[in-house]
Full PDB file with SEQRES, HELIX, SHEET, SSBOND, CRYST1, ORIGX, SCALE, CONECT and MASTER records, all heavy atoms in Angstrom:
SEQRES   1 A   32  GLU VAL ALA HIS SER THR PRO GLU LYS ILE ARG THR PHE          
SEQRES   2 A   32  ALA VAL ASP PRO ALA THR GLY PHE MET PRO HIS HIS GLY          
SEQRES   3 A   32  ARG ALA VAL ALA ALA GLY                                      
HELIX    1 AA1 VAL A    2  SER A    5  1                                   4    
HELIX    2 AA2 PRO A    7  LYS A    9  5                                   3    
HELIX    3 AA3 PRO A   23  ALA A   31  1                                   9    
CRYST1    1.000    1.000    1.000  90.00  90.00  90.00 P 1           1          
ORIGX1      1.000000  0.000000  0.000000        0.00000                         
ORIGX2      0.000000  1.000000  0.000000        0.00000                         
ORIGX3      0.000000  0.000000  1.000000        0.00000                         
SCALE1      1.000000  0.000000  0.000000        0.00000                         
SCALE2      0.000000  1.000000  0.000000        0.00000                         
SCALE3      0.000000  0.000000  1.000000        0.00000                         
ATOM      1  N   GLU A   1       0.828  -1.196   0.000  1.00  0.00           N  
ATOM      2  CA  GLU A   1       0.000   0.000   0.000  1.00  0.00           C  
ATOM      3  C   GLU A   1       0.869   1.256   0.000  1.00  0.00           C  
ATOM      4  O   GLU A   1       0.533   2.260  -0.650  1.00  0.00           O  
ATOM      5  CB  GLU A   1      -0.913  -0.003   1.232  1.00  0.00           C  
ATOM      6  CG  GLU A   1      -1.829   1.214   1.335  1.00  0.00           C  
ATOM      7  CD  GLU A   1      -2.769   1.378   0.154  1.00  0.00           C  
ATOM      8  OE1 GLU A   1      -3.119   0.360  -0.485  1.00  0.00           O  
ATOM      9  OE2 GLU A   1      -3.138   2.531  -0.141  1.00  0.00           O  
ATOM     10  N   VAL A   2       1.994   1.205   0.700  1.00  0.00           N  
ATOM     11  CA  VAL A   2       2.932   2.336   0.704  1.00  0.00           C  
ATOM     12  C   VAL A   2       3.452   2.588  -0.708  1.00  0.00           C  
ATOM     13  O   VAL A   2       3.481   3.730  -1.183  1.00  0.00           O  
ATOM     14  CB  VAL A   2       4.111   2.067   1.668  1.00  0.00           C  
ATOM     15  CG1 VAL A   2       5.169   3.174   1.542  1.00  0.00           C  
ATOM     16  CG2 VAL A   2       3.616   1.982   3.100  1.00  0.00           C  
ATOM     17  N   ALA A   3       3.861   1.515  -1.392  1.00  0.00           N  
ATOM     18  CA  ALA A   3       4.385   1.651  -2.752  1.00  0.00           C  
ATOM     19  C   ALA A   3       3.332   2.217  -3.701  1.00  0.00           C  
ATOM     20  O   ALA A   3       3.646   2.983  -4.615  1.00  0.00           O  
ATOM     21  CB  ALA A   3       4.870   0.292  -3.253  1.00  0.00           C  
ATOM     22  N   HIS A   4       2.066   1.867  -3.451  1.00  0.00           N  
ATOM     23  CA  HIS A   4       0.989   2.322  -4.331  1.00  0.00           C  
ATOM     24  C   HIS A   4       0.564   3.753  -4.031  1.00  0.00           C  
ATOM     25  O   HIS A   4       0.377   4.565  -4.948  1.00  0.00           O  
ATOM     26  CB  HIS A   4      -0.212   1.386  -4.190  1.00  0.00           C  
ATOM     27  CG  HIS A   4      -1.387   1.765  -5.040  1.00  0.00           C  
ATOM     28  ND1 HIS A   4      -2.434   2.541  -4.573  1.00  0.00           N  
ATOM     29  CD2 HIS A   4      -1.667   1.503  -6.338  1.00  0.00           C  
ATOM     30  CE1 HIS A   4      -3.306   2.731  -5.539  1.00  0.00           C  
ATOM     31  NE2 HIS A   4      -2.865   2.097  -6.626  1.00  0.00           N  
ATOM     32  N   SER A   5       0.408   4.079  -2.751  1.00  0.00           N  
ATOM     33  CA  SER A   5      -0.191   5.362  -2.373  1.00  0.00           C  
ATOM     34  C   SER A   5       0.822   6.463  -2.064  1.00  0.00           C  
ATOM     35  O   SER A   5       0.564   7.634  -2.347  1.00  0.00           O  
ATOM     36  CB  SER A   5      -1.108   5.163  -1.154  1.00  0.00           C  
ATOM     37  OG  SER A   5      -2.108   4.210  -1.423  1.00  0.00           O  
ATOM     38  N   THR A   6       1.968   6.078  -1.490  1.00  0.00           N  
ATOM     39  CA  THR A   6       2.964   7.096  -1.115  1.00  0.00           C  
ATOM     40  C   THR A   6       4.358   6.654  -1.554  1.00  0.00           C  
ATOM     41  O   THR A   6       5.244   6.410  -0.725  1.00  0.00           O  
ATOM     42  CB  THR A   6       2.944   7.348   0.403  1.00  0.00           C  
ATOM     43  OG1 THR A   6       3.088   6.092   1.096  1.00  0.00           O  
ATOM     44  CG2 THR A   6       1.661   8.019   0.836  1.00  0.00           C  
ATOM     45  N   PRO A   7       4.578   6.535  -2.865  1.00  0.00           N  
ATOM     46  CA  PRO A   7       5.879   6.060  -3.351  1.00  0.00           C  
ATOM     47  C   PRO A   7       7.042   6.966  -2.968  1.00  0.00           C  
ATOM     48  O   PRO A   7       8.195   6.525  -2.975  1.00  0.00           O  
ATOM     49  CB  PRO A   7       5.682   6.013  -4.876  1.00  0.00           C  
ATOM     50  CG  PRO A   7       4.557   6.952  -5.149  1.00  0.00           C  
ATOM     51  CD  PRO A   7       3.651   6.844  -3.962  1.00  0.00           C  
ATOM     52  N   GLU A   8       6.743   8.217  -2.619  1.00  0.00           N  
ATOM     53  CA  GLU A   8       7.825   9.129  -2.222  1.00  0.00           C  
ATOM     54  C   GLU A   8       8.495   8.699  -0.916  1.00  0.00           C  
ATOM     55  O   GLU A   8       9.606   9.164  -0.597  1.00  0.00           O  
ATOM     56  CB  GLU A   8       7.283  10.561  -2.083  1.00  0.00           C  
ATOM     57  CG  GLU A   8       6.328  10.796  -0.921  1.00  0.00           C  
ATOM     58  CD  GLU A   8       4.882  10.406  -1.211  1.00  0.00           C  
ATOM     59  OE1 GLU A   8       4.627   9.885  -2.318  1.00  0.00           O  
ATOM     60  OE2 GLU A   8       4.020  10.628  -0.330  1.00  0.00           O  
ATOM     61  N   LYS A   9       7.846   7.801  -0.178  1.00  0.00           N  
ATOM     62  CA  LYS A   9       8.431   7.315   1.072  1.00  0.00           C  
ATOM     63  C   LYS A   9       9.427   6.170   0.841  1.00  0.00           C  
ATOM     64  O   LYS A   9       9.975   5.633   1.791  1.00  0.00           O  
ATOM     65  CB  LYS A   9       7.327   6.851   2.026  1.00  0.00           C  
ATOM     66  CG  LYS A   9       6.439   7.992   2.527  1.00  0.00           C  
ATOM     67  CD  LYS A   9       5.401   7.494   3.517  1.00  0.00           C  
ATOM     68  CE  LYS A   9       4.554   8.647   4.035  1.00  0.00           C  
ATOM     69  NZ  LYS A   9       3.519   8.191   4.998  1.00  0.00           N  
ATOM     70  N   ILE A  10       9.621   5.801  -0.414  1.00  0.00           N  
ATOM     71  CA  ILE A  10      10.571   4.754  -0.767  1.00  0.00           C  
ATOM     72  C   ILE A  10      11.723   5.373  -1.543  1.00  0.00           C  
ATOM     73  O   ILE A  10      11.520   6.046  -2.552  1.00  0.00           O  
ATOM     74  CB  ILE A  10       9.889   3.656  -1.608  1.00  0.00           C  
ATOM     75  CG1 ILE A  10       8.741   3.027  -0.822  1.00  0.00           C  
ATOM     76  CG2 ILE A  10      10.900   2.594  -2.027  1.00  0.00           C  
ATOM     77  CD1 ILE A  10       7.930   2.010  -1.609  1.00  0.00           C  
ATOM     78  N   ARG A  11      12.944   5.167  -1.055  1.00  0.00           N  
ATOM     79  CA  ARG A  11      14.136   5.744  -1.682  1.00  0.00           C  
ATOM     80  C   ARG A  11      14.981   4.632  -2.289  1.00  0.00           C  
ATOM     81  O   ARG A  11      15.088   3.539  -1.736  1.00  0.00           O  
ATOM     82  CB  ARG A  11      14.953   6.524  -0.657  1.00  0.00           C  
ATOM     83  CG  ARG A  11      14.196   7.707  -0.067  1.00  0.00           C  
ATOM     84  CD  ARG A  11      15.002   8.388   1.025  1.00  0.00           C  
ATOM     85  NE  ARG A  11      16.283   8.893   0.539  1.00  0.00           N  
ATOM     86  CZ  ARG A  11      17.168   9.537   1.308  1.00  0.00           C  
ATOM     87  NH1 ARG A  11      16.907   9.726   2.596  1.00  0.00           N  
ATOM     88  NH2 ARG A  11      18.303   9.971   0.801  1.00  0.00           N  
ATOM     89  N   THR A  12      15.592   4.938  -3.444  1.00  0.00           N  
ATOM     90  CA  THR A  12      16.406   3.954  -4.150  1.00  0.00           C  
ATOM     91  C   THR A  12      17.730   4.583  -4.568  1.00  0.00           C  
ATOM     92  O   THR A  12      17.758   5.724  -5.029  1.00  0.00           O  
ATOM     93  CB  THR A  12      15.672   3.436  -5.400  1.00  0.00           C  
ATOM     94  OG1 THR A  12      14.408   2.888  -5.021  1.00  0.00           O  
ATOM     95  CG2 THR A  12      16.480   2.363  -6.112  1.00  0.00           C  
ATOM     96  N   PHE A  13      18.810   3.841  -4.403  1.00  0.00           N  
ATOM     97  CA  PHE A  13      20.107   4.292  -4.925  1.00  0.00           C  
ATOM     98  C   PHE A  13      20.935   3.067  -5.301  1.00  0.00           C  
ATOM     99  O   PHE A  13      20.800   1.996  -4.704  1.00  0.00           O  
ATOM    100  CB  PHE A  13      20.853   5.170  -3.925  1.00  0.00           C  
ATOM    101  CG  PHE A  13      21.295   4.473  -2.673  1.00  0.00           C  
ATOM    102  CD1 PHE A  13      22.525   3.830  -2.600  1.00  0.00           C  
ATOM    103  CD2 PHE A  13      20.475   4.441  -1.550  1.00  0.00           C  
ATOM    104  CE1 PHE A  13      22.924   3.178  -1.453  1.00  0.00           C  
ATOM    105  CE2 PHE A  13      20.865   3.786  -0.389  1.00  0.00           C  
ATOM    106  CZ  PHE A  13      22.103   3.152  -0.335  1.00  0.00           C  
ATOM    107  N   ALA A  14      21.773   3.216  -6.322  1.00  0.00           N  
ATOM    108  CA  ALA A  14      22.576   2.109  -6.839  1.00  0.00           C  
ATOM    109  C   ALA A  14      24.012   2.208  -6.351  1.00  0.00           C  
ATOM    110  O   ALA A  14      24.496   3.286  -5.981  1.00  0.00           O  
ATOM    111  CB  ALA A  14      22.531   2.098  -8.361  1.00  0.00           C  
ATOM    112  N   VAL A  15      24.697   1.058  -6.376  1.00  0.00           N  
ATOM    113  CA  VAL A  15      26.098   0.983  -5.967  1.00  0.00           C  
ATOM    114  C   VAL A  15      26.955   0.768  -7.204  1.00  0.00           C  
ATOM    115  O   VAL A  15      26.702  -0.153  -7.999  1.00  0.00           O  
ATOM    116  CB  VAL A  15      26.316  -0.177  -4.972  1.00  0.00           C  
ATOM    117  CG1 VAL A  15      27.800  -0.292  -4.612  1.00  0.00           C  
ATOM    118  CG2 VAL A  15      25.475   0.032  -3.724  1.00  0.00           C  
ATOM    119  N   ASP A  16      27.975   1.612  -7.384  1.00  0.00           N  
ATOM    120  CA  ASP A  16      28.891   1.488  -8.515  1.00  0.00           C  
ATOM    121  C   ASP A  16      29.724   0.218  -8.325  1.00  0.00           C  
ATOM    122  O   ASP A  16      30.431   0.086  -7.322  1.00  0.00           O  
ATOM    123  CB  ASP A  16      29.804   2.706  -8.581  1.00  0.00           C  
ATOM    124  CG  ASP A  16      30.647   2.740  -9.856  1.00  0.00           C  
ATOM    125  OD1 ASP A  16      30.885   1.662 -10.445  1.00  0.00           O  
ATOM    126  OD2 ASP A  16      31.072   3.838 -10.261  1.00  0.00           O  
ATOM    127  N   PRO A  17      29.662  -0.733  -9.268  1.00  0.00           N  
ATOM    128  CA  PRO A  17      30.436  -1.970  -9.091  1.00  0.00           C  
ATOM    129  C   PRO A  17      31.947  -1.750  -9.087  1.00  0.00           C  
ATOM    130  O   PRO A  17      32.698  -2.598  -8.607  1.00  0.00           O  
ATOM    131  CB  PRO A  17      29.999  -2.828 -10.284  1.00  0.00           C  
ATOM    132  CG  PRO A  17      29.491  -1.853 -11.298  1.00  0.00           C  
ATOM    133  CD  PRO A  17      28.886  -0.737 -10.520  1.00  0.00           C  
ATOM    134  N   ALA A  18      32.386  -0.607  -9.620  1.00  0.00           N  
ATOM    135  CA  ALA A  18      33.821  -0.317  -9.629  1.00  0.00           C  
ATOM    136  C   ALA A  18      34.348  -0.065  -8.218  1.00  0.00           C  
ATOM    137  O   ALA A  18      35.514  -0.352  -7.917  1.00  0.00           O  
ATOM    138  CB  ALA A  18      34.114   0.891 -10.513  1.00  0.00           C  
ATOM    139  N   THR A  19      33.509   0.468  -7.358  1.00  0.00           N  
ATOM    140  CA  THR A  19      33.934   0.745  -5.979  1.00  0.00           C  
ATOM    141  C   THR A  19      33.394  -0.288  -4.998  1.00  0.00           C  
ATOM    142  O   THR A  19      33.993  -0.540  -3.960  1.00  0.00           O  
ATOM    143  CB  THR A  19      33.447   2.135  -5.528  1.00  0.00           C  
ATOM    144  OG1 THR A  19      32.003   2.145  -5.480  1.00  0.00           O  
ATOM    145  CG2 THR A  19      33.936   3.209  -6.488  1.00  0.00           C  
ATOM    146  N   GLY A  20      32.267  -0.894  -5.340  1.00  0.00           N  
ATOM    147  CA  GLY A  20      31.618  -1.783  -4.389  1.00  0.00           C  
ATOM    148  C   GLY A  20      30.997  -0.986  -3.256  1.00  0.00           C  
ATOM    149  O   GLY A  20      30.865   0.247  -3.327  1.00  0.00           O  
ATOM    150  N   PHE A  21      30.597  -1.689  -2.203  1.00  0.00           N  
ATOM    151  CA  PHE A  21      29.965  -1.029  -1.062  1.00  0.00           C  
ATOM    152  C   PHE A  21      30.987  -0.166  -0.331  1.00  0.00           C  
ATOM    153  O   PHE A  21      32.078  -0.623   0.014  1.00  0.00           O  
ATOM    154  CB  PHE A  21      29.384  -2.075  -0.113  1.00  0.00           C  
ATOM    155  CG  PHE A  21      28.555  -1.493   0.991  1.00  0.00           C  
ATOM    156  CD1 PHE A  21      27.193  -1.313   0.839  1.00  0.00           C  
ATOM    157  CD2 PHE A  21      29.139  -1.109   2.197  1.00  0.00           C  
ATOM    158  CE1 PHE A  21      26.415  -0.785   1.848  1.00  0.00           C  
ATOM    159  CE2 PHE A  21      28.380  -0.573   3.222  1.00  0.00           C  
ATOM    160  CZ  PHE A  21      27.011  -0.399   3.046  1.00  0.00           C  
ATOM    161  N   MET A  22      30.632   1.094  -0.097  1.00  0.00           N  
ATOM    162  CA  MET A  22      31.502   2.053   0.582  1.00  0.00           C  
ATOM    163  C   MET A  22      30.783   2.591   1.819  1.00  0.00           C  
ATOM    164  O   MET A  22      29.558   2.497   1.933  1.00  0.00           O  
ATOM    165  CB  MET A  22      31.862   3.196  -0.359  1.00  0.00           C  
ATOM    166  CG  MET A  22      32.605   2.752  -1.625  1.00  0.00           C  
ATOM    167  SD  MET A  22      34.266   2.157  -1.279  1.00  0.00           S  
ATOM    168  CE  MET A  22      35.096   3.724  -0.983  1.00  0.00           C  
ATOM    169  N   PRO A  23      31.529   3.186   2.764  1.00  0.00           N  
ATOM    170  CA  PRO A  23      30.894   3.727   3.977  1.00  0.00           C  
ATOM    171  C   PRO A  23      29.735   4.677   3.697  1.00  0.00           C  
ATOM    172  O   PRO A  23      28.746   4.683   4.432  1.00  0.00           O  
ATOM    173  CB  PRO A  23      32.049   4.431   4.687  1.00  0.00           C  
ATOM    174  CG  PRO A  23      33.264   3.657   4.270  1.00  0.00           C  
ATOM    175  CD  PRO A  23      33.006   3.270   2.851  1.00  0.00           C  
ATOM    176  N   HIS A  24      29.849   5.462   2.623  1.00  0.00           N  
ATOM    177  CA  HIS A  24      28.761   6.417   2.356  1.00  0.00           C  
ATOM    178  C   HIS A  24      27.466   5.716   1.940  1.00  0.00           C  
ATOM    179  O   HIS A  24      26.375   6.262   2.115  1.00  0.00           O  
ATOM    180  CB  HIS A  24      29.181   7.460   1.307  1.00  0.00           C  
ATOM    181  CG  HIS A  24      29.312   6.916  -0.090  1.00  0.00           C  
ATOM    182  ND1 HIS A  24      30.482   6.375  -0.573  1.00  0.00           N  
ATOM    183  CD2 HIS A  24      28.415   6.833  -1.112  1.00  0.00           C  
ATOM    184  CE1 HIS A  24      30.311   6.000  -1.820  1.00  0.00           C  
ATOM    185  NE2 HIS A  24      29.061   6.260  -2.177  1.00  0.00           N  
ATOM    186  N   HIS A  25      27.586   4.498   1.417  1.00  0.00           N  
ATOM    187  CA  HIS A  25      26.372   3.747   1.105  1.00  0.00           C  
ATOM    188  C   HIS A  25      25.656   3.351   2.402  1.00  0.00           C  
ATOM    189  O   HIS A  25      24.421   3.393   2.486  1.00  0.00           O  
ATOM    190  CB  HIS A  25      26.704   2.498   0.292  1.00  0.00           C  
ATOM    191  CG  HIS A  25      27.236   2.778  -1.073  1.00  0.00           C  
ATOM    192  ND1 HIS A  25      28.455   2.309  -1.524  1.00  0.00           N  
ATOM    193  CD2 HIS A  25      26.730   3.524  -2.100  1.00  0.00           C  
ATOM    194  CE1 HIS A  25      28.658   2.722  -2.761  1.00  0.00           C  
ATOM    195  NE2 HIS A  25      27.625   3.463  -3.135  1.00  0.00           N  
ATOM    196  N   GLY A  26      26.436   2.943   3.384  1.00  0.00           N  
ATOM    197  CA  GLY A  26      25.854   2.619   4.685  1.00  0.00           C  
ATOM    198  C   GLY A  26      25.175   3.816   5.316  1.00  0.00           C  
ATOM    199  O   GLY A  26      24.082   3.698   5.890  1.00  0.00           O  
ATOM    200  N   ARG A  27      25.816   4.980   5.188  1.00  0.00           N  
ATOM    201  CA  ARG A  27      25.209   6.204   5.744  1.00  0.00           C  
ATOM    202  C   ARG A  27      23.934   6.565   4.989  1.00  0.00           C  
ATOM    203  O   ARG A  27      22.972   7.071   5.583  1.00  0.00           O  
ATOM    204  CB  ARG A  27      26.215   7.356   5.690  1.00  0.00           C  
ATOM    205  CG  ARG A  27      27.405   7.176   6.635  1.00  0.00           C  
ATOM    206  CD  ARG A  27      28.206   8.458   6.784  1.00  0.00           C  
ATOM    207  NE  ARG A  27      28.908   8.807   5.559  1.00  0.00           N  
ATOM    208  CZ  ARG A  27      30.137   8.399   5.245  1.00  0.00           C  
ATOM    209  NH1 ARG A  27      30.805   7.605   6.079  1.00  0.00           N  
ATOM    210  NH2 ARG A  27      30.714   8.785   4.121  1.00  0.00           N  
ATOM    211  N   ALA A  28      23.913   6.288   3.673  1.00  0.00           N  
ATOM    212  CA  ALA A  28      22.715   6.585   2.879  1.00  0.00           C  
ATOM    213  C   ALA A  28      21.548   5.710   3.321  1.00  0.00           C  
ATOM    214  O   ALA A  28      20.398   6.167   3.386  1.00  0.00           O  
ATOM    215  CB  ALA A  28      22.998   6.376   1.393  1.00  0.00           C  
ATOM    216  N   VAL A  29      21.827   4.438   3.630  1.00  0.00           N  
ATOM    217  CA  VAL A  29      20.774   3.553   4.125  1.00  0.00           C  
ATOM    218  C   VAL A  29      20.258   4.051   5.466  1.00  0.00           C  
ATOM    219  O   VAL A  29      19.041   4.142   5.695  1.00  0.00           O  
ATOM    220  CB  VAL A  29      21.292   2.101   4.254  1.00  0.00           C  
ATOM    221  CG1 VAL A  29      20.297   1.235   5.032  1.00  0.00           C  
ATOM    222  CG2 VAL A  29      21.542   1.501   2.879  1.00  0.00           C  
ATOM    223  N   ALA A  30      21.180   4.403   6.366  1.00  0.00           N  
ATOM    224  CA  ALA A  30      20.782   4.903   7.685  1.00  0.00           C  
ATOM    225  C   ALA A  30      19.946   6.169   7.559  1.00  0.00           C  
ATOM    226  O   ALA A  30      18.936   6.344   8.255  1.00  0.00           O  
ATOM    227  CB  ALA A  30      22.013   5.153   8.542  1.00  0.00           C  
ATOM    228  N   ALA A  31      20.360   7.065   6.654  1.00  0.00           N  
ATOM    229  CA  ALA A  31      19.610   8.310   6.453  1.00  0.00           C  
ATOM    230  C   ALA A  31      18.225   8.021   5.886  1.00  0.00           C  
ATOM    231  O   ALA A  31      17.237   8.655   6.271  1.00  0.00           O  
ATOM    232  CB  ALA A  31      20.388   9.235   5.516  1.00  0.00           C  
ATOM    233  N   GLY A  32      18.151   7.036   4.968  1.00  0.00           N  
ATOM    234  CA  GLY A  32      16.855   6.680   4.393  1.00  0.00           C  
ATOM    235  C   GLY A  32      15.897   6.098   5.412  1.00  0.00           C  
ATOM    236  O   GLY A  32      14.680   6.181   5.246  1.00  0.00           O  
TER     237      GLY A  32                                                      
MASTER        0    0    0    3    0    0    0    6  236    1    0    3          
END                                                                             
């Protein structure tokens, strides 16, 4: 229902395979 009615509450970001998972990705998840 969230995805249907309030999609703005869902955040998406991709990880560059050249760097892999970096600390800022973890912070982005925490912020989200």
